[in-house]
Amino acid sequence: EKIELLPYHELGKHKWVAMGEEYKLDGVKPPKKETMERVKGILEQYGHKVMF
């Protein structure tokens, strides 16, 4: 088994706007690659197979 890290992205933001809905995650930025690598390293220390 493995853990797949899925970083936040803004690809669906336009759908919320098109429907006239409030996009509650506005202003949230995707994590930097360094942050994802750090999280991956922490999980690997516990013996997990991790990918992103």
Protein backbone atom coordinates (compact mmCIF):
# COMPACT_ATOMS: atom_id res chain seq x y z
CA GLU A 1 0.00 0.00 0.00
CA LYS A 2 1.01 3.60 -0.47
CA ILE A 3 0.03 7.13 0.44
CA GLU A 4 -0.58 9.57 -2.40
CA LEU A 5 -0.23 13.22 -1.42
CA LEU A 6 -2.55 15.39 -3.45
CA PRO A 7 -1.66 19.06 -3.08
CA TYR A 8 -4.39 21.69 -3.25
CA HIS A 9 -4.89 23.37 -6.61
CA GLU A 10 -7.25 25.98 -8.05
CA LEU A 11 -8.38 24.11 -11.18
CA GLY A 12 -12.06 23.99 -10.13
CA LYS A 13 -12.30 27.58 -8.91
CA HIS A 14 -13.91 28.80 -12.14
CA LYS A 15 -16.80 26.34 -11.68
CA TRP A 16 -17.76 27.91 -8.36
CA VAL A 17 -17.64 31.38 -9.90
CA ALA A 18 -19.69 30.27 -12.92
CA MET A 19 -22.40 28.89 -10.61
CA GLY A 20 -22.49 32.15 -8.67
CA GLU A 21 -21.23 30.43 -5.53
CA GLU A 22 -18.70 31.74 -3.05
CA TYR A 23 -15.33 30.04 -3.45
CA LYS A 24 -14.41 29.64 0.21
CA LEU A 25 -10.80 28.66 -0.49
CA ASP A 26 -10.04 31.90 -2.33
CA GLY A 27 -6.60 33.08 -1.33
CA VAL A 28 -5.35 29.60 -0.37
CA LYS A 29 -2.16 28.92 -2.29
CA PRO A 30 -0.93 25.50 -3.42
CA PRO A 31 1.93 24.18 -1.27
CA LYS A 32 5.49 24.63 -2.49
CA LYS A 33 7.38 21.58 -3.71
CA GLU A 34 9.67 21.88 -0.68
CA THR A 35 6.67 21.59 1.64
CA MET A 36 5.42 18.49 -0.16
CA GLU A 37 8.89 16.93 0.04
CA ARG A 38 9.03 17.65 3.78
CA VAL A 39 5.64 16.01 4.38
CA LYS A 40 6.69 13.05 2.24
CA GLY A 41 9.88 12.65 4.27
CA ILE A 42 8.01 12.69 7.56
CA LEU A 43 5.61 9.98 6.41
CA GLU A 44 8.46 7.88 5.00
CA GLN A 45 10.13 7.97 8.43
CA TYR A 46 7.13 6.01 9.68
CA GLY A 47 7.68 3.36 7.02
CA HIS A 48 5.07 4.50 4.51
CA LYS A 49 5.57 4.41 0.76
CA VAL A 50 4.67 7.94 -0.34
CA MET A 51 4.26 9.58 -3.73
CA PHE A 52 2.98 12.87 -5.11
